[in-house]
Amino acid sequence: MSTKLYVGNLSFNTTAQDLETLFGEHGTVQSASLIEDRETGRSRGFAFVEMSSGEEANAAIASLDGKDLDGRNLKVNEAKPRETGGGGGGYGGGGGGGRGRSGGGGGGSRGGSSW
């Protein structure tokens, strides 16, 4: 069973190919996904690398956590499942609150006179 690793503190110059090469020294890399900013397309400084087994993933963590790559000390650990409620809920709530205040205030006064 494959194991996904979180790789943090990446240089903005590091590519997915660089990660495949580096992690490939410790086993079979099934995928390497560099996370980019949606608006700018620029690297956000972290990635996910999927290794084909837990043993290979552990070997990569042991060898690469703290290793220098492009002048940065890598942070490598097993990826944790993303919590679905936290980030998405906060973002949606913030957006909804903004619209509610501006639209709700005007709608409330008009609504009060017509009902």
N, C-alpha and C. Protein backbone atom coordinates (compact mmCIF):
# COMPACT_ATOMS: atom_id res chain seq x y z
N MET A 1 0.84 -1.19 0.00
CA MET A 1 0.00 0.00 0.00
C MET A 1 0.88 1.25 0.00
N SER A 2 0.52 2.23 -0.81
CA SER A 2 1.34 3.43 -0.92
C SER A 2 1.16 4.34 0.29
N THR A 3 2.17 5.18 0.51
CA THR A 3 2.16 6.12 1.63
C THR A 3 2.48 7.50 1.10
N LYS A 4 1.64 8.47 1.48
CA LYS A 4 1.84 9.85 1.03
C LYS A 4 2.63 10.62 2.07
N LEU A 5 3.62 11.37 1.59
CA LEU A 5 4.47 12.17 2.46
C LEU A 5 4.24 13.65 2.21
N TYR A 6 4.30 14.42 3.27
CA TYR A 6 4.29 15.88 3.18
C TYR A 6 5.74 16.33 3.12
N VAL A 7 6.05 17.22 2.20
CA VAL A 7 7.40 17.77 2.08
C VAL A 7 7.28 19.28 2.16
N GLY A 8 7.81 19.87 3.23
CA GLY A 8 7.67 21.30 3.44
C GLY A 8 9.00 22.04 3.43
N ASN A 9 8.91 23.36 3.49
CA ASN A 9 10.06 24.28 3.49
C ASN A 9 10.85 24.18 2.19
N LEU A 10 10.12 24.02 1.07
CA LEU A 10 10.77 23.92 -0.23
C LEU A 10 11.13 25.29 -0.77
N SER A 11 12.22 25.34 -1.51
CA SER A 11 12.58 26.54 -2.25
C SER A 11 11.55 26.73 -3.36
N PHE A 12 11.30 27.98 -3.74
CA PHE A 12 10.37 28.24 -4.84
C PHE A 12 10.93 27.75 -6.17
N ASN A 13 12.22 27.41 -6.20
CA ASN A 13 12.86 26.92 -7.42
C ASN A 13 12.79 25.40 -7.56
N THR A 14 12.39 24.70 -6.52
CA THR A 14 12.33 23.24 -6.55
C THR A 14 11.17 22.79 -7.43
N THR A 15 11.41 21.78 -8.27
CA THR A 15 10.38 21.26 -9.17
C THR A 15 9.93 19.87 -8.72
N ALA A 16 8.80 19.42 -9.28
CA ALA A 16 8.31 18.07 -8.99
C ALA A 16 9.34 17.04 -9.45
N GLN A 17 10.02 17.32 -10.57
CA GLN A 17 11.05 16.41 -11.07
C GLN A 17 12.21 16.30 -10.08
N ASP A 18 12.58 17.42 -9.46
CA ASP A 18 13.63 17.39 -8.43
C ASP A 18 13.23 16.44 -7.30
N LEU A 19 11.97 16.52 -6.89
CA LEU A 19 11.49 15.69 -5.79
C LEU A 19 11.45 14.22 -6.19
N GLU A 20 11.01 13.94 -7.42
CA GLU A 20 10.97 12.55 -7.89
C GLU A 20 12.37 11.95 -7.88
N THR A 21 13.35 12.74 -8.32
CA THR A 21 14.73 12.26 -8.34
C THR A 21 15.25 12.02 -6.93
N LEU A 22 15.05 12.98 -6.05
CA LEU A 22 15.53 12.89 -4.67
C LEU A 22 14.89 11.72 -3.93
N PHE A 23 13.56 11.63 -3.98
CA PHE A 23 12.86 10.58 -3.25
C PHE A 23 13.04 9.22 -3.92
N GLY A 24 13.30 9.21 -5.22
CA GLY A 24 13.53 7.97 -5.95
C GLY A 24 14.76 7.21 -5.47
N GLU A 25 15.67 7.91 -4.79
CA GLU A 25 16.85 7.25 -4.22
C GLU A 25 16.47 6.35 -3.05
N HIS A 26 15.24 6.48 -2.55
CA HIS A 26 14.81 5.73 -1.37
C HIS A 26 13.68 4.76 -1.67
N GLY A 27 13.29 4.65 -2.94
CA GLY A 27 12.22 3.73 -3.32
C GLY A 27 11.50 4.22 -4.56
N THR A 28 10.36 3.60 -4.82
CA THR A 28 9.57 3.94 -6.00
C THR A 28 8.63 5.09 -5.70
N VAL A 29 8.77 6.17 -6.47
CA VAL A 29 7.90 7.33 -6.32
C VAL A 29 6.71 7.14 -7.25
N GLN A 30 5.51 7.10 -6.68
CA GLN A 30 4.32 6.95 -7.50
C GLN A 30 3.83 8.29 -8.02
N SER A 31 4.02 9.35 -7.24
CA SER A 31 3.64 10.69 -7.70
C SER A 31 4.36 11.73 -6.85
N ALA A 32 4.55 12.90 -7.45
CA ALA A 32 5.11 14.05 -6.73
C ALA A 32 4.30 15.26 -7.18
N SER A 33 3.60 15.89 -6.25
CA SER A 33 2.73 17.02 -6.57
C SER A 33 3.18 18.26 -5.83
N LEU A 34 3.71 19.22 -6.57
CA LEU A 34 4.11 20.50 -6.00
C LEU A 34 2.86 21.36 -5.89
N ILE A 35 2.59 21.91 -4.73
CA ILE A 35 1.38 22.70 -4.52
C ILE A 35 1.66 24.15 -4.93
N GLU A 36 0.77 24.67 -5.79
CA GLU A 36 0.95 26.02 -6.32
C GLU A 36 -0.19 26.93 -5.89
N ASP A 37 0.11 28.21 -5.83
CA ASP A 37 -0.90 29.22 -5.54
C ASP A 37 -1.86 29.29 -6.73
N ARG A 38 -3.16 29.27 -6.47
CA ARG A 38 -4.16 29.29 -7.55
C ARG A 38 -4.08 30.54 -8.41
N GLU A 39 -3.82 31.67 -7.78
CA GLU A 39 -3.84 32.93 -8.51
C GLU A 39 -2.55 33.21 -9.26
N THR A 40 -1.41 32.92 -8.64
CA THR A 40 -0.13 33.27 -9.26
C THR A 40 0.53 32.11 -9.99
N GLY A 41 0.15 30.87 -9.65
CA GLY A 41 0.79 29.71 -10.25
C GLY A 41 2.17 29.43 -9.65
N ARG A 42 2.56 30.21 -8.66
CA ARG A 42 3.87 30.06 -8.02
C ARG A 42 3.79 29.01 -6.91
N SER A 43 4.90 28.32 -6.70
CA SER A 43 4.96 27.30 -5.65
C SER A 43 4.61 27.90 -4.30
N ARG A 44 3.88 27.13 -3.49
CA ARG A 44 3.55 27.57 -2.13
C ARG A 44 4.58 27.05 -1.13
N GLY A 45 5.62 26.37 -1.62
CA GLY A 45 6.70 25.94 -0.75
C GLY A 45 6.50 24.58 -0.10
N PHE A 46 5.51 23.81 -0.58
CA PHE A 46 5.37 22.46 -0.07
C PHE A 46 4.82 21.55 -1.15
N ALA A 47 4.93 20.24 -0.91
CA ALA A 47 4.53 19.25 -1.90
C ALA A 47 4.10 17.98 -1.20
N PHE A 48 3.53 17.08 -1.99
CA PHE A 48 3.20 15.74 -1.51
C PHE A 48 3.87 14.75 -2.44
N VAL A 49 4.54 13.76 -1.84
CA VAL A 49 5.21 12.71 -2.60
C VAL A 49 4.63 11.39 -2.13
N GLU A 50 4.19 10.58 -3.08
CA GLU A 50 3.62 9.28 -2.75
C GLU A 50 4.63 8.18 -3.05
N MET A 51 4.99 7.44 -2.01
CA MET A 51 5.93 6.32 -2.14
C MET A 51 5.14 5.02 -2.20
N SER A 52 5.70 4.00 -2.86
CA SER A 52 4.93 2.78 -3.10
C SER A 52 4.73 1.91 -1.86
N SER A 53 5.50 2.12 -0.79
CA SER A 53 5.29 1.33 0.42
C SER A 53 5.62 2.15 1.66
N GLY A 54 5.12 1.69 2.79
CA GLY A 54 5.41 2.35 4.05
C GLY A 54 6.88 2.28 4.42
N GLU A 55 7.54 1.16 4.07
CA GLU A 55 8.96 1.01 4.37
C GLU A 55 9.78 2.04 3.59
N GLU A 56 9.45 2.22 2.31
CA GLU A 56 10.17 3.21 1.50
C GLU A 56 9.91 4.62 2.02
N ALA A 57 8.67 4.87 2.41
CA ALA A 57 8.33 6.19 2.95
C ALA A 57 9.12 6.47 4.22
N ASN A 58 9.21 5.47 5.11
CA ASN A 58 9.97 5.64 6.35
C ASN A 58 11.45 5.87 6.08
N ALA A 59 11.99 5.17 5.07
CA ALA A 59 13.40 5.35 4.71
C ALA A 59 13.62 6.77 4.19
N ALA A 60 12.68 7.27 3.39
CA ALA A 60 12.79 8.63 2.86
C ALA A 60 12.72 9.66 3.98
N ILE A 61 11.80 9.45 4.92
CA ILE A 61 11.68 10.38 6.06
C ILE A 61 12.98 10.40 6.85
N ALA A 62 13.51 9.21 7.16
CA ALA A 62 14.73 9.11 7.96
C ALA A 62 15.91 9.80 7.29
N SER A 63 16.00 9.68 5.96
CA SER A 63 17.15 10.26 5.25
C SER A 63 16.97 11.72 4.87
N LEU A 64 15.74 12.13 4.59
CA LEU A 64 15.54 13.45 3.98
C LEU A 64 15.01 14.53 4.91
N ASP A 65 14.41 14.15 6.04
CA ASP A 65 13.92 15.18 6.97
C ASP A 65 15.11 15.97 7.50
N GLY A 66 15.13 17.27 7.27
CA GLY A 66 16.24 18.12 7.70
C GLY A 66 17.34 18.27 6.65
N LYS A 67 17.26 17.51 5.56
CA LYS A 67 18.28 17.58 4.51
C LYS A 67 18.18 18.90 3.74
N ASP A 68 19.33 19.43 3.34
CA ASP A 68 19.37 20.67 2.57
C ASP A 68 19.05 20.39 1.10
N LEU A 69 18.10 21.13 0.55
CA LEU A 69 17.78 21.08 -0.88
C LEU A 69 17.56 22.50 -1.35
N ASP A 70 18.35 22.94 -2.30
CA ASP A 70 18.26 24.31 -2.83
C ASP A 70 18.36 25.36 -1.72
N GLY A 71 19.22 25.09 -0.73
CA GLY A 71 19.44 26.06 0.34
C GLY A 71 18.39 26.07 1.44
N ARG A 72 17.48 25.10 1.43
CA ARG A 72 16.43 25.02 2.46
C ARG A 72 16.50 23.66 3.14
N ASN A 73 16.25 23.61 4.45
CA ASN A 73 16.19 22.34 5.17
C ASN A 73 14.79 21.75 5.04
N LEU A 74 14.70 20.61 4.36
CA LEU A 74 13.41 19.99 4.12
C LEU A 74 12.73 19.55 5.41
N LYS A 75 11.42 19.61 5.41
CA LYS A 75 10.59 19.04 6.48
C LYS A 75 9.81 17.91 5.82
N VAL A 76 10.09 16.67 6.21
CA VAL A 76 9.45 15.51 5.58
C VAL A 76 8.79 14.67 6.66
N ASN A 77 7.49 14.42 6.50
CA ASN A 77 6.79 13.51 7.40
C ASN A 77 5.59 12.90 6.68
N GLU A 78 4.98 11.93 7.32
CA GLU A 78 3.82 11.29 6.70
C GLU A 78 2.67 12.29 6.65
N ALA A 79 2.04 12.38 5.49
CA ALA A 79 0.94 13.33 5.32
C ALA A 79 -0.24 12.91 6.17
N LYS A 80 -0.88 13.89 6.78
CA LYS A 80 -2.07 13.62 7.59
C LYS A 80 -3.29 13.95 6.75
N PRO A 81 -4.38 13.20 6.91
CA PRO A 81 -5.59 13.52 6.16
C PRO A 81 -6.05 14.94 6.47
N ARG A 82 -6.52 15.62 5.45
CA ARG A 82 -6.97 17.00 5.62
C ARG A 82 -8.29 17.02 6.38
N GLU A 83 -8.40 17.92 7.34
CA GLU A 83 -9.65 18.06 8.08
C GLU A 83 -10.61 18.85 7.21
N THR A 84 -11.77 18.27 6.93
CA THR A 84 -12.69 18.87 5.98
C THR A 84 -13.42 20.09 6.51
N GLY A 85 -13.76 20.14 7.79
CA GLY A 85 -14.57 21.23 8.32
C GLY A 85 -13.83 22.53 8.55
N GLY A 86 -12.59 22.49 8.99
CA GLY A 86 -11.87 23.68 9.43
C GLY A 86 -11.66 24.74 8.38
N GLY A 87 -10.79 24.49 7.41
CA GLY A 87 -10.42 25.51 6.44
C GLY A 87 -11.58 25.92 5.55
N GLY A 88 -12.27 24.95 4.99
CA GLY A 88 -13.37 25.26 4.08
C GLY A 88 -14.49 25.98 4.77
N GLY A 89 -14.83 25.55 5.98
CA GLY A 89 -15.92 26.19 6.72
C GLY A 89 -15.59 27.63 7.07
N GLY A 90 -14.37 27.87 7.49
CA GLY A 90 -13.97 29.24 7.84
C GLY A 90 -14.00 30.16 6.64
N TYR A 91 -13.54 29.65 5.51
CA TYR A 91 -13.51 30.48 4.30
C TYR A 91 -14.93 30.78 3.85
N GLY A 92 -15.76 29.75 3.80
CA GLY A 92 -17.15 29.94 3.38
C GLY A 92 -17.91 30.83 4.34
N GLY A 93 -17.69 30.64 5.63
CA GLY A 93 -18.36 31.46 6.62
C GLY A 93 -17.97 32.92 6.50
N GLY A 94 -16.71 33.17 6.24
CA GLY A 94 -16.24 34.55 6.08
C GLY A 94 -16.88 35.21 4.88
N GLY A 95 -16.95 34.47 3.78
CA GLY A 95 -17.56 35.02 2.57
C GLY A 95 -19.04 35.26 2.77
N GLY A 96 -19.72 34.31 3.39
CA GLY A 96 -21.15 34.45 3.63
C GLY A 96 -21.44 35.61 4.57
N GLY A 97 -20.61 35.76 5.59
CA GLY A 97 -20.80 36.85 6.54
C GLY A 97 -20.67 38.21 5.87
N GLY A 98 -19.72 38.33 4.97
CA GLY A 98 -19.50 39.59 4.27
C GLY A 98 -20.71 39.97 3.43
N ARG A 99 -21.22 38.99 2.72
CA ARG A 99 -22.39 39.26 1.87
C ARG A 99 -23.62 39.52 2.72
N GLY A 100 -23.73 38.78 3.83
CA GLY A 100 -24.89 38.93 4.70
C GLY A 100 -24.98 40.33 5.30
N ARG A 101 -23.85 40.89 5.67
CA ARG A 101 -23.85 42.21 6.29
C ARG A 101 -24.28 43.28 5.29
N SER A 102 -23.70 43.27 4.11
CA SER A 102 -24.02 44.34 3.16
C SER A 102 -25.41 44.13 2.55
N GLY A 103 -25.71 42.90 2.14
CA GLY A 103 -27.01 42.65 1.53
C GLY A 103 -28.12 42.56 2.57
N GLY A 104 -27.81 41.98 3.72
CA GLY A 104 -28.81 41.77 4.76
C GLY A 104 -29.30 43.08 5.35
N GLY A 105 -28.40 44.04 5.52
CA GLY A 105 -28.80 45.32 6.11
C GLY A 105 -29.81 46.05 5.23
N GLY A 106 -29.51 46.11 3.95
CA GLY A 106 -30.42 46.79 3.02
C GLY A 106 -31.71 46.01 2.87
N GLY A 107 -31.58 44.68 2.78
CA GLY A 107 -32.77 43.85 2.62
C GLY A 107 -33.64 43.90 3.85
N GLY A 108 -33.02 44.01 5.02
CA GLY A 108 -33.78 44.05 6.26
C GLY A 108 -34.65 45.30 6.35
N SER A 109 -34.13 46.44 5.95
CA SER A 109 -34.92 47.67 6.05
C SER A 109 -36.04 47.68 5.02
N ARG A 110 -35.74 47.22 3.81
CA ARG A 110 -36.78 47.14 2.79
C ARG A 110 -37.81 46.09 3.17
N GLY A 111 -37.28 44.95 3.70
CA GLY A 111 -38.17 43.87 4.09
C GLY A 111 -39.12 44.30 5.20
N GLY A 112 -38.65 45.11 6.12
CA GLY A 112 -39.47 45.55 7.25
C GLY A 112 -40.65 46.40 6.78
N SER A 113 -40.48 47.24 5.77
CA SER A 113 -41.56 48.11 5.33
C SER A 113 -42.56 47.38 4.44
N SER A 114 -42.10 46.39 3.68
CA SER A 114 -43.01 45.71 2.77
C SER A 114 -43.79 44.59 3.44
N TRP A 115 -43.29 44.05 4.53
CA TRP A 115 -44.00 42.95 5.19
C TRP A 115 -44.86 43.55 6.22
